[in-house]
């Protein structure tokens, strides 16, 4: 609802309340009573006058009383309408300002909440000790929300057959530099912090040994050791769930194929 619609609704709700207040403040029952009495007096004087009686003073008094009371009521009603309208307009603008501040704060809160995104599923050669190169499957993960940090993001990688039967589940393997490995405890290497400064982190979850037709689900254990679970089928669905310690969550799904020892990967559109 925009400001114009909110203002229209406000006035629709305001005027009945304003009229109730006028009746309450002014004394609607007393006004009607006095108004009717004055009217009866005028009618009585008119009847006497038409009957040939002398009631000029009485007529003038009643008429003045009637007109005076009506003008006073009308004057007070106009003053109340103007003051109530001006006060209510100020109140509405104040409420609009509060709504704007709340909306701004809500936007700030939403912008400060981490949003995890993954892209670029790739199969790329990765070098190991001894000059050995292996084909590794990975995705690039980032936090796209400004002014936020997705803290201690923990991945869960679930491997499924094309029909949905679970084959294995692990935590994948974040790429961590040798410098950071020295600083971190082994269990801490299962999570990463995702900052909103454009930095990305790679999560590996499959690897192909040279000269082998099957491949492996690849992960890092709590003790820092590497785990390789053999996978012999041609096609798998892979569901990856991310959960941060400050409640940022994200889910992605991929299809990994093994064509006679050559891996390929694609993302499943949501």
Protein backbone atom coordinates (compact mmCIF):
# COMPACT_ATOMS: atom_id res chain seq x y z
CA UNK A 1 0.00 0.00 0.00
CA UNK A 2 1.49 3.35 -1.05
CA UNK A 3 1.26 6.65 0.84
CA UNK A 4 -1.82 7.86 -1.09
CA UNK A 5 -3.77 4.69 -0.30
CA UNK A 6 -2.68 4.80 3.35
CA UNK A 7 -3.82 8.43 3.60
CA UNK A 8 -7.21 7.61 2.08
CA UNK A 9 -7.70 4.75 4.51
CA UNK A 10 -6.61 6.97 7.40
CA UNK A 11 -9.21 9.62 6.65
CA UNK A 12 -11.94 7.02 6.15
CA UNK A 13 -11.24 5.79 9.64
CA UNK A 14 -10.71 9.25 11.13
CA UNK A 15 -13.95 11.10 10.25
CA UNK A 16 -16.38 8.71 12.06
CA UNK A 17 -14.20 8.98 15.14
CA UNK A 18 -14.09 12.77 14.80
CA UNK A 19 -17.89 12.98 14.57
CA UNK A 20 -18.26 10.77 17.66
CA UNK A 21 -15.91 13.09 19.53
CA UNK A 22 -17.92 16.16 18.52
CA UNK A 23 -21.11 14.58 19.79
CA UNK A 24 -19.37 13.56 22.99
CA UNK A 25 -17.63 16.90 23.64
CA UNK A 26 -20.46 19.20 22.63
CA UNK A 27 -23.28 17.23 24.20
CA UNK A 28 -25.34 16.11 21.25
CA UNK A 29 -28.37 15.25 23.38
CA UNK A 30 -28.34 18.66 25.07
CA UNK A 31 -27.99 20.37 21.73
CA UNK A 32 -31.00 18.58 20.23
CA UNK A 33 -33.02 19.26 23.32
CA UNK A 34 -32.27 23.00 23.25
CA UNK A 35 -32.68 23.14 19.48
CA UNK A 36 -36.11 21.50 19.67
CA UNK A 37 -37.18 23.73 22.56
CA UNK A 38 -36.16 26.81 20.61
CA UNK A 39 -38.03 25.54 17.58
CA UNK A 40 -41.16 24.92 19.63
CA UNK A 41 -40.91 28.43 21.06
CA UNK A 42 -40.67 29.93 17.58
CA UNK A 43 -43.64 27.88 16.39
CA UNK A 44 -45.66 28.85 19.47
CA UNK A 45 -44.87 32.52 18.93
CA UNK A 46 -45.82 32.21 15.27
CA UNK A 47 -49.16 30.64 16.17
CA UNK A 48 -49.88 33.37 18.70
CA UNK A 49 -48.89 36.01 16.20
CA UNK A 50 -51.11 34.53 13.49
CA UNK A 51 -54.01 34.32 15.95
CA UNK A 52 -53.76 38.05 16.46
CA UNK A 53 -51.96 38.00 19.75
CA UNK A 54 -49.17 40.32 20.72
CA UNK A 55 -46.00 38.40 21.12
CA UNK A 56 -43.35 40.49 19.49
CA UNK A 57 -41.01 40.49 22.43
CA UNK A 58 -41.48 36.81 22.98
CA UNK A 59 -40.95 36.10 19.29
CA UNK A 60 -37.80 38.15 19.15
CA UNK A 61 -36.40 36.47 22.24
CA UNK A 62 -37.12 32.98 20.95
CA UNK A 63 -35.80 33.73 17.49
CA UNK A 64 -32.62 35.27 18.85
CA UNK A 65 -32.15 32.32 21.19
CA UNK A 66 -32.64 29.85 18.33
CA UNK A 67 -30.40 31.62 15.84
CA UNK A 68 -27.73 32.37 18.42
CA UNK A 69 -27.55 28.79 19.63
CA UNK A 70 -27.40 27.47 16.07
CA UNK A 71 -24.62 29.90 15.10
CA UNK A 72 -22.64 29.03 18.20
CA UNK A 73 -22.97 25.33 17.41
CA UNK A 74 -21.98 25.92 13.79
CA UNK A 75 -19.00 28.05 14.82
CA UNK A 76 -17.75 25.47 17.31
CA UNK A 77 -18.24 22.67 14.80
CA UNK A 78 -16.18 24.51 12.17
CA UNK A 79 -13.41 25.28 14.68
CA UNK A 80 -13.33 21.65 15.79
CA UNK A 81 -13.25 20.45 12.19
CA UNK A 82 -10.35 22.73 11.32
CA UNK A 83 -8.32 21.95 14.44
CA UNK A 84 -8.99 18.21 14.22
CA UNK A 85 -8.10 18.16 10.55
CA UNK A 86 -4.84 20.06 11.10
CA UNK A 87 -3.89 17.96 14.13
CA UNK A 88 -4.75 14.72 12.35
CA UNK A 89 -2.76 15.77 9.28
CA UNK A 90 0.27 16.36 11.49
CA UNK A 91 -0.32 13.02 13.19
CA UNK A 92 -0.57 11.27 9.82
CA UNK A 93 2.68 12.85 8.62
CA UNK A 94 4.33 11.81 11.87
CA UNK A 95 3.09 8.26 11.42
CA UNK A 96 4.33 8.30 7.82
CA UNK A 97 7.74 9.37 9.06
CA UNK A 98 7.76 6.49 11.53
CA UNK A 99 6.71 4.08 8.77
CA UNK A 100 9.54 5.40 6.58
CA UNK A 101 12.05 4.95 9.39
CA UNK A 102 10.84 1.41 10.05
CA UNK A 103 11.00 0.56 6.35
CA UNK A 104 14.53 1.95 6.19
CA UNK A 105 15.56 -0.06 9.24
CA UNK A 106 13.95 -3.18 7.74
CA UNK A 107 15.91 -2.69 4.53
CA UNK A 108 19.10 -2.26 6.55
CA UNK A 109 18.35 -5.46 8.45
CA UNK A 110 17.64 -7.36 5.23
CA UNK A 111 20.82 -6.02 3.66
CA UNK A 112 22.85 -7.04 6.69
CA UNK A 113 21.60 -10.63 6.55
CA UNK A 114 24.09 -12.93 4.76
CA UNK A 115 22.95 -14.38 1.44
CA UNK A 116 24.93 -17.38 0.23
CA UNK A 117 25.30 -17.93 -3.51
CA UNK A 118 27.09 -20.66 -5.45
CA UNK A 119 28.05 -20.55 -9.12
CA UNK A 120 30.44 -21.90 -11.72
CA UNK A 121 30.33 -25.66 -11.14
CA UNK A 122 33.47 -26.83 -12.87
CA UNK A 123 35.72 -29.82 -13.42
CA UNK A 124 39.34 -28.66 -13.31
CA UNK A 125 42.75 -30.26 -12.90
CA UNK A 126 44.21 -29.96 -9.44
CA UNK A 127 47.86 -30.54 -8.67
CA UNK A 128 49.08 -32.82 -5.87
CA UNK A 129 52.43 -33.77 -4.40
CA UNK A 130 54.70 -35.56 -6.83
CA UNK A 131 53.36 -33.63 -9.80
CA UNK A 132 50.19 -35.76 -10.00
CA UNK A 133 47.16 -34.03 -11.49
CA UNK A 134 43.60 -35.10 -10.75
CA UNK A 135 40.24 -33.87 -12.03
CA UNK A 136 38.29 -32.19 -9.23
CA UNK A 137 34.67 -30.99 -9.18
CA UNK A 138 34.03 -27.72 -7.33
CA UNK A 139 31.70 -24.74 -6.98
CA UNK A 140 32.50 -21.12 -6.15
CA UNK A 141 30.67 -19.89 -3.04
CA UNK A 142 30.21 -16.28 -1.90
CA UNK A 143 28.14 -13.98 0.27
CA UNK A 144 26.36 -11.39 -1.90
CA UNK A 145 24.72 -9.36 0.87
CA UNK A 146 26.53 -6.08 1.71
CA UNK A 147 27.69 -5.30 5.23
CA UNK A 148 27.36 -8.88 6.44
CA UNK A 149 29.36 -11.99 7.23
CA UNK A 150 28.12 -15.56 6.89
CA UNK A 151 29.93 -17.04 9.87
CA UNK A 152 31.28 -20.58 10.01
CA UNK A 153 29.46 -21.86 6.92
CA UNK A 154 29.12 -25.64 7.18
CA UNK A 155 28.34 -27.63 4.00
CA UNK A 156 26.46 -30.92 3.76
CA UNK A 157 26.91 -32.78 0.47
CA UNK A 158 24.41 -35.54 -0.28
CA UNK A 159 24.95 -37.94 -3.17
CA UNK A 160 21.85 -39.54 -4.71
CA UNK A 161 21.05 -41.88 -7.56
CA UNK A 162 18.93 -40.41 -10.38
CA UNK A 163 15.88 -41.97 -8.66
CA UNK A 164 16.66 -40.26 -5.37
CA UNK A 165 18.25 -43.04 -3.30
CA UNK A 166 20.95 -41.69 -0.98
CA UNK A 167 24.36 -43.16 -1.66
CA UNK A 168 26.57 -41.20 0.74
CA UNK A 169 26.77 -37.91 2.62
CA UNK A 170 29.72 -35.82 3.75
CA UNK A 171 30.93 -32.26 4.33
CA UNK A 172 32.79 -31.71 1.07
CA UNK A 173 36.17 -30.03 1.17
CA UNK A 174 36.69 -26.27 1.40
CA UNK A 175 39.83 -25.02 -0.29
CA UNK A 176 42.02 -23.60 2.47
CA UNK A 177 45.44 -22.06 1.91
CA UNK A 178 48.50 -23.63 3.52
CA UNK A 179 48.95 -20.47 5.63
CA UNK A 180 45.45 -20.79 7.06
CA UNK A 181 45.85 -24.50 7.68
CA UNK A 182 48.67 -23.72 10.08
CA UNK A 183 46.45 -21.34 12.07
CA UNK A 184 43.26 -23.42 12.15
CA UNK A 185 42.32 -26.40 14.23
CA UNK A 186 41.50 -29.43 12.12
CA UNK A 187 37.76 -29.29 12.88
CA UNK A 188 37.68 -25.60 11.93
CA UNK A 189 38.68 -26.48 8.36
CA UNK A 190 35.17 -27.87 7.80
CA UNK A 191 33.76 -24.33 7.89
CA UNK A 192 34.63 -20.94 6.39
CA UNK A 193 33.52 -17.36 6.91
CA UNK A 194 32.01 -15.73 3.83
CA UNK A 195 32.55 -11.97 3.72
CA UNK A 196 30.71 -9.46 1.56
CA UNK A 197 33.89 -7.96 0.09
CA UNK A 198 33.75 -9.95 -3.14
CA UNK A 199 35.99 -12.75 -1.89
CA UNK A 200 34.93 -16.26 -2.87
CA UNK A 201 35.64 -19.74 -1.53
CA UNK A 202 35.81 -22.98 -3.49
CA UNK A 203 34.10 -26.12 -2.24
CA UNK A 204 35.35 -29.40 -3.77
CA UNK A 205 33.12 -32.44 -3.54
CA UNK A 206 34.36 -34.98 -6.16
CA UNK A 207 37.69 -36.08 -7.58
CA UNK A 208 38.91 -38.33 -10.37
CA UNK A 209 42.14 -40.30 -10.10
CA UNK A 210 44.19 -40.53 -13.31
CA UNK A 211 43.73 -43.73 -15.31
CA UNK A 212 40.60 -44.80 -13.36
CA UNK A 213 37.11 -45.09 -14.79
CA UNK A 214 35.28 -44.53 -11.49
CA UNK A 215 35.56 -41.43 -9.28
CA UNK A 216 35.19 -40.44 -5.62
CA UNK A 217 33.10 -38.25 -3.36
CA UNK A 218 35.76 -36.08 -1.76
CA UNK A 219 35.54 -34.58 1.73
CA UNK A 220 37.54 -33.48 4.76
CA UNK A 221 36.95 -35.20 8.11
CA UNK A 222 36.90 -33.52 11.54
CA UNK A 223 40.44 -34.70 12.22
CA UNK A 224 41.63 -33.02 9.01
CA UNK A 225 42.10 -36.25 7.06
CA UNK A 226 40.90 -36.66 3.48
CA UNK A 227 38.04 -39.05 2.77
CA UNK A 228 37.38 -40.67 -0.61
CA UNK A 229 34.14 -42.60 -1.18
CA UNK A 230 34.17 -44.54 -4.49
CA UNK A 231 31.29 -43.92 -6.90
CA UNK A 232 30.85 -46.35 -9.78
CA UNK A 233 27.60 -45.25 -11.46
CA UNK A 234 27.50 -43.06 -14.52
CA UNK A 235 25.22 -40.33 -13.13
CA UNK A 236 24.47 -38.83 -9.71
CA UNK A 237 22.42 -36.02 -8.25
CA UNK A 238 24.28 -33.93 -5.68
CA UNK A 239 22.46 -31.75 -3.15
CA UNK A 240 24.55 -29.25 -1.24
CA UNK A 241 23.17 -27.51 1.83
CA UNK A 242 24.95 -24.59 3.48
CA UNK A 243 24.28 -23.54 7.07
CA UNK A 244 26.08 -20.71 8.84
CA UNK A 245 26.29 -20.22 12.58
CA UNK A 246 24.31 -16.97 12.22
CA UNK A 247 21.37 -18.64 10.42
CA UNK A 248 22.20 -18.08 6.76
CA UNK A 249 21.07 -21.09 4.74
CA UNK A 250 21.19 -22.02 1.07
CA UNK A 251 20.57 -25.12 -1.05
CA UNK A 252 21.86 -26.05 -4.48
CA UNK A 253 21.60 -29.13 -6.69
CA UNK A 254 23.91 -30.49 -9.37
CA UNK A 255 24.22 -33.44 -11.70
CA UNK A 256 27.61 -35.11 -11.96
CA UNK A 257 28.27 -37.51 -14.85
CA UNK A 258 31.13 -39.91 -15.42
CA UNK A 259 31.61 -40.71 -19.10
CA UNK A 260 34.28 -43.45 -19.18
CA UNK A 261 36.51 -41.66 -16.69
CA UNK A 262 35.73 -38.11 -17.85
CA UNK A 263 33.73 -36.04 -15.36
CA UNK A 264 31.20 -33.32 -16.13
CA UNK A 265 28.93 -31.25 -13.88
CA UNK A 266 25.94 -28.96 -14.35
CA UNK A 267 23.65 -27.07 -12.01
CA UNK A 268 19.97 -28.03 -11.76
CA UNK A 269 17.80 -24.98 -12.25
CA UNK A 270 15.37 -24.24 -9.44
